[in-house]
C-alpha atoms as a PDB file:
ATOM      1  CA  MET A   1     -28.789 -49.376 -26.452  1.00  0.00           C
ATOM      2  CA  ALA A   2     -30.575 -47.468 -23.823  1.00  0.00           C
ATOM      3  CA  LYS A   3     -28.564 -46.505 -20.847  1.00  0.00           C
ATOM      4  CA  ASN A   4     -29.993 -47.307 -17.470  1.00  0.00           C
ATOM      5  CA  ARG A   5     -30.252 -43.947 -15.876  1.00  0.00           C
ATOM      6  CA  GLN A   6     -31.170 -43.920 -12.288  1.00  0.00           C
ATOM      7  CA  THR A   7     -33.356 -41.134 -11.151  1.00  0.00           C
ATOM      8  CA  PRO A   8     -32.237 -39.565  -7.922  1.00  0.00           C
ATOM      9  CA  PRO A   9     -34.343 -40.524  -4.919  1.00  0.00           C
ATOM     10  CA  PRO A  10     -36.959 -37.958  -3.989  1.00  0.00           C
ATOM     11  CA  SER A  11     -35.671 -35.550  -1.403  1.00  0.00           C
ATOM     12  CA  LYS A  12     -37.275 -35.783   1.988  1.00  0.00           C
ATOM     13  CA  GLN A  13     -39.134 -32.757   3.208  1.00  0.00           C
ATOM     14  CA  SER A  14     -38.025 -31.143   6.405  1.00  0.00           C
ATOM     15  CA  LEU A  15     -40.344 -30.484   9.312  1.00  0.00           C
ATOM     16  CA  ILE A  16     -40.436 -26.780   8.401  1.00  0.00           C
ATOM     17  CA  GLN A  17     -41.582 -27.605   4.869  1.00  0.00           C
ATOM     18  CA  TYR A  18     -44.360 -29.860   6.194  1.00  0.00           C
ATOM     19  CA  ALA A  19     -45.475 -27.141   8.601  1.00  0.00           C
ATOM     20  CA  ARG A  20     -45.427 -24.541   5.834  1.00  0.00           C
ATOM     21  CA  ALA A  21     -47.475 -26.747   3.529  1.00  0.00           C
ATOM     22  CA  TRP A  22     -49.973 -27.357   6.365  1.00  0.00           C
ATOM     23  CA  GLY A  23     -50.216 -23.626   7.108  1.00  0.00           C
ATOM     24  CA  GLU A  24     -50.854 -22.739   3.463  1.00  0.00           C
ATOM     25  CA  ASN A  25     -53.566 -25.373   3.041  1.00  0.00           C
ATOM     26  CA  PRO A  26     -57.207 -24.199   3.322  1.00  0.00           C
ATOM     27  CA  PHE A  27     -58.452 -27.546   4.666  1.00  0.00           C
ATOM     28  CA  PRO A  28     -57.170 -27.545   8.312  1.00  0.00           C
ATOM     29  CA  PRO A  29     -59.147 -24.444   9.421  1.00  0.00           C
ATOM     30  CA  THR A  30     -62.256 -25.945   7.849  1.00  0.00           C
ATOM     31  CA  LEU A  31     -61.718 -29.199   9.715  1.00  0.00           C
ATOM     32  CA  LEU A  32     -61.157 -27.328  12.984  1.00  0.00           C
ATOM     33  CA  ALA A  33     -64.347 -25.311  12.418  1.00  0.00           C
ATOM     34  CA  THR A  34     -66.235 -28.577  11.888  1.00  0.00           C
ATOM     35  CA  LEU A  35     -64.870 -30.104  15.092  1.00  0.00           C
ATOM     36  CA  VAL A  36     -65.592 -26.952  17.111  1.00  0.00           C
ATOM     37  CA  ALA A  37     -69.147 -26.810  15.802  1.00  0.00           C
ATOM     38  CA  ALA A  38     -69.669 -30.494  16.541  1.00  0.00           C
ATOM     39  CA  GLN A  39     -68.422 -30.004  20.081  1.00  0.00           C
ATOM     40  CA  HIS A  40     -70.316 -26.841  21.017  1.00  0.00           C
ATOM     41  CA  LEU A  41     -73.466 -26.814  18.927  1.00  0.00           C
ATOM     42  CA  ARG A  42     -75.424 -29.139  21.167  1.00  0.00           C
ATOM     43  CA  PRO A  43     -76.023 -27.858  23.798  1.00  0.00           C
ATOM     44  CA  PHE A  44     -75.453 -24.495  22.191  1.00  0.00           C
ATOM     45  CA  GLN A  45     -72.581 -22.529  23.729  1.00  0.00           C
ATOM     46  CA  PRO A  46     -72.378 -19.018  22.281  1.00  0.00           C
ATOM     47  CA  LEU A  47     -68.731 -18.149  23.040  1.00  0.00           C
ATOM     48  CA  PRO A  48     -67.104 -21.185  21.377  1.00  0.00           C
ATOM     49  CA  MET A  49     -69.488 -20.858  18.430  1.00  0.00           C
ATOM     50  CA  LEU A  50     -67.776 -17.581  17.483  1.00  0.00           C
ATOM     51  CA  PHE A  51     -64.820 -19.609  16.217  1.00  0.00           C
ATOM     52  CA  PRO A  52     -66.286 -21.585  13.259  1.00  0.00           C
ATOM     53  CA  PRO A  53     -67.276 -18.509  11.192  1.00  0.00           C
ATOM     54  CA  ALA A  54     -63.860 -16.937  11.762  1.00  0.00           C
ATOM     55  CA  LEU A  55     -62.079 -20.149  10.783  1.00  0.00           C
ATOM     56  CA  LEU A  56     -64.246 -20.557   7.690  1.00  0.00           C
ATOM     57  CA  PHE A  57     -63.422 -16.956   6.773  1.00  0.00           C
ATOM     58  CA  THR A  58     -59.717 -17.841   6.871  1.00  0.00           C
ATOM     59  CA  THR A  59     -60.436 -20.666   4.428  1.00  0.00           C
ATOM     60  CA  TYR A  60     -62.162 -18.154   2.175  1.00  0.00           C
ATOM     61  CA  LEU A  61     -59.152 -15.818   2.397  1.00  0.00           C
ATOM     62  CA  ASN A  62     -56.853 -18.703   1.569  1.00  0.00           C
ATOM     63  CA  LEU A  63     -58.892 -19.595  -1.507  1.00  0.00           C
ATOM     64  CA  LEU A  64     -58.690 -15.958  -2.612  1.00  0.00           C
ATOM     65  CA  ASP A  65     -54.876 -16.381  -2.626  1.00  0.00           C
ATOM     66  CA  TYR A  66     -54.196 -14.404   0.555  1.00  0.00           C
ATOM     67  CA  LYS A  67     -52.271 -17.342   1.983  1.00  0.00           C
ATOM     68  CA  VAL A  68     -50.019 -15.466   4.398  1.00  0.00           C
ATOM     69  CA  ASP A  69     -52.832 -13.397   5.868  1.00  0.00           C
ATOM     70  CA  ALA A  70     -55.108 -16.426   6.096  1.00  0.00           C
ATOM     71  CA  ALA A  71     -52.382 -18.368   7.883  1.00  0.00           C
ATOM     72  CA  GLY A  72     -51.928 -15.567  10.415  1.00  0.00           C
ATOM     73  CA  VAL A  73     -55.638 -15.212  11.138  1.00  0.00           C
ATOM     74  CA  SER A  74     -56.047 -18.976  11.332  1.00  0.00           C
ATOM     75  CA  ALA A  75     -53.129 -19.220  13.763  1.00  0.00           C
ATOM     76  CA  ALA A  76     -54.608 -16.505  15.964  1.00  0.00           C
ATOM     77  CA  TRP A  77     -58.110 -17.994  16.098  1.00  0.00           C
ATOM     78  CA  SER A  78     -56.752 -21.515  16.576  1.00  0.00           C
ATOM     79  CA  GLY A  79     -54.617 -20.315  19.470  1.00  0.00           C
ATOM     80  CA  LEU A  80     -57.570 -18.547  21.049  1.00  0.00           C
ATOM     81  CA  TYR A  81     -59.684 -21.688  20.772  1.00  0.00           C
ATOM     82  CA  LEU A  82     -56.866 -23.731  22.262  1.00  0.00           C
ATOM     83  CA  LEU A  83     -56.757 -21.389  25.266  1.00  0.00           C
ATOM     84  CA  LEU A  84     -60.519 -21.563  25.684  1.00  0.00           C
ATOM     85  CA  ALA A  85     -60.651 -25.357  25.395  1.00  0.00           C
ATOM     86  CA  ALA A  86     -57.685 -25.906  27.712  1.00  0.00           C
ATOM     87  CA  LYS A  87     -59.346 -23.819  30.414  1.00  0.00           C
ATOM     88  CA  ARG A  88     -62.167 -26.337  30.780  1.00  0.00           C
ATOM     89  CA  LYS A  89     -61.285 -29.370  32.886  1.00  0.00           C
ATOM     90  CA  GLN A  90     -62.549 -32.884  32.268  1.00  0.00           C
ATOM     91  CA  LYS A  91     -62.591 -35.946  34.444  1.00  0.00           C
ATOM     92  CA  PHE A  92     -60.358 -38.799  33.316  1.00  0.00           C
ATOM     93  CA  MET A  93     -63.157 -41.104  32.185  1.00  0.00           C
ATOM     94  CA  GLN A  94     -64.867 -38.338  30.180  1.00  0.00           C
ATOM     95  CA  LYS A  95     -61.742 -37.920  28.056  1.00  0.00           C
ATOM     96  CA  TRP A  96     -62.333 -41.278  26.389  1.00  0.00           C
ATOM     97  CA  GLY A  97     -65.952 -40.752  25.325  1.00  0.00           C
ATOM     98  CA  ALA A  98     -67.030 -39.428  21.955  1.00  0.00           C
ATOM     99  CA  ARG A  99     -67.057 -35.815  23.148  1.00  0.00           C
ATOM    100  CA  GLY A 100     -63.650 -36.191  24.769  1.00  0.00           C
ATOM    101  CA  ILE A 101     -62.105 -37.598  21.624  1.00  0.00           C
ATOM    102  CA  VAL A 102     -63.601 -34.791  19.510  1.00  0.00           C
ATOM    103  CA  ARG A 103     -62.337 -32.233  22.037  1.00  0.00           C
ATOM    104  CA  GLY A 104     -58.858 -33.773  21.994  1.00  0.00           C
ATOM    105  CA  ALA A 105     -58.790 -33.833  18.206  1.00  0.00           C
ATOM    106  CA  ALA A 106     -59.915 -30.200  18.074  1.00  0.00           C
ATOM    107  CA  MET A 107     -57.250 -29.162  20.569  1.00  0.00           C
ATOM    108  CA  GLY A 108     -54.538 -31.065  18.705  1.00  0.00           C
ATOM    109  CA  LEU A 109     -55.621 -29.626  15.378  1.00  0.00           C
ATOM    110  CA  GLY A 110     -55.811 -26.151  16.910  1.00  0.00           C
ATOM    111  CA  PHE A 111     -52.256 -26.475  18.195  1.00  0.00           C
ATOM    112  CA  THR A 112     -51.014 -27.695  14.819  1.00  0.00           C
ATOM    113  CA  ASN A 113     -52.812 -24.843  13.025  1.00  0.00           C
ATOM    114  CA  MET A 114     -51.406 -22.334  15.482  1.00  0.00           C
ATOM    115  CA  VAL A 115     -47.816 -23.478  14.997  1.00  0.00           C
ATOM    116  CA  SER A 116     -47.918 -23.964  11.228  1.00  0.00           C
ATOM    117  CA  GLY A 117     -49.994 -20.857  10.526  1.00  0.00           C
ATOM    118  CA  GLY A 118     -47.707 -18.790  12.732  1.00  0.00           C
ATOM    119  CA  LEU A 119     -44.697 -20.132  10.863  1.00  0.00           C
ATOM    120  CA  VAL A 120     -46.202 -19.248   7.475  1.00  0.00           C
ATOM    121  CA  TYR A 121     -47.161 -15.798   8.752  1.00  0.00           C
ATOM    122  CA  MET A 122     -43.648 -15.153  10.105  1.00  0.00           C
ATOM    123  CA  ILE A 123     -41.640 -16.331   7.098  1.00  0.00           C
ATOM    124  CA  GLY A 124     -44.137 -15.610   4.318  1.00  0.00           C
ATOM    125  CA  LYS A 125     -44.147 -12.551   2.127  1.00  0.00           C
ATOM    126  CA  ARG A 126     -47.190 -10.902   0.654  1.00  0.00           C
ATOM    127  CA  ARG A 127     -47.676 -10.015  -2.985  1.00  0.00           C
ATOM    128  CA  GLY A 128     -45.275  -7.561  -4.462  1.00  0.00           C
ATOM    129  CA  ASP A 129     -46.203  -4.344  -6.192  1.00  0.00           C
ATOM    130  CA  ASP A 130     -45.970  -6.114  -9.533  1.00  0.00           C
ATOM    131  CA  GLY A 131     -48.722  -8.573  -8.474  1.00  0.00           C
ATOM    132  CA  GLU A 132     -46.545 -11.614  -8.978  1.00  0.00           C
ATOM    133  CA  GLY A 133     -48.285 -13.587  -6.259  1.00  0.00           C
ATOM    134  CA  LEU A 134     -47.119 -15.151  -3.053  1.00  0.00           C
ATOM    135  CA  ALA A 135     -43.409 -15.393  -2.399  1.00  0.00           C
ATOM    136  CA  VAL A 136     -43.260 -17.821   0.479  1.00  0.00           C
END
């Protein structure tokens, strides 16, 4: 007779664990770079277009297993973009057009990247001398 063993319910992740997983993921900076490029490529605006290459570089760093450093750089560039985008004012009706929705999504994603990347950078540890990888 087989005993009915109940598996324990999966533990729920805390908000810190979600933020850490988001900060270690290479996809959010890539998505933010896409939204920034979509917003500022046409008409071309040179200052905001400095952000997509930097954000794509953080994705590259993350894929090279420099997760803590990539999270810190991504948090810094996301915060800078958030400051730049918040400086520009929009009329109420322009917020609900296609450009306004993309701008809002980019600002929200930039804020999320800034918080989660900053968290990973603050609590993360780099590789040890033995090369054992990331100890987050």
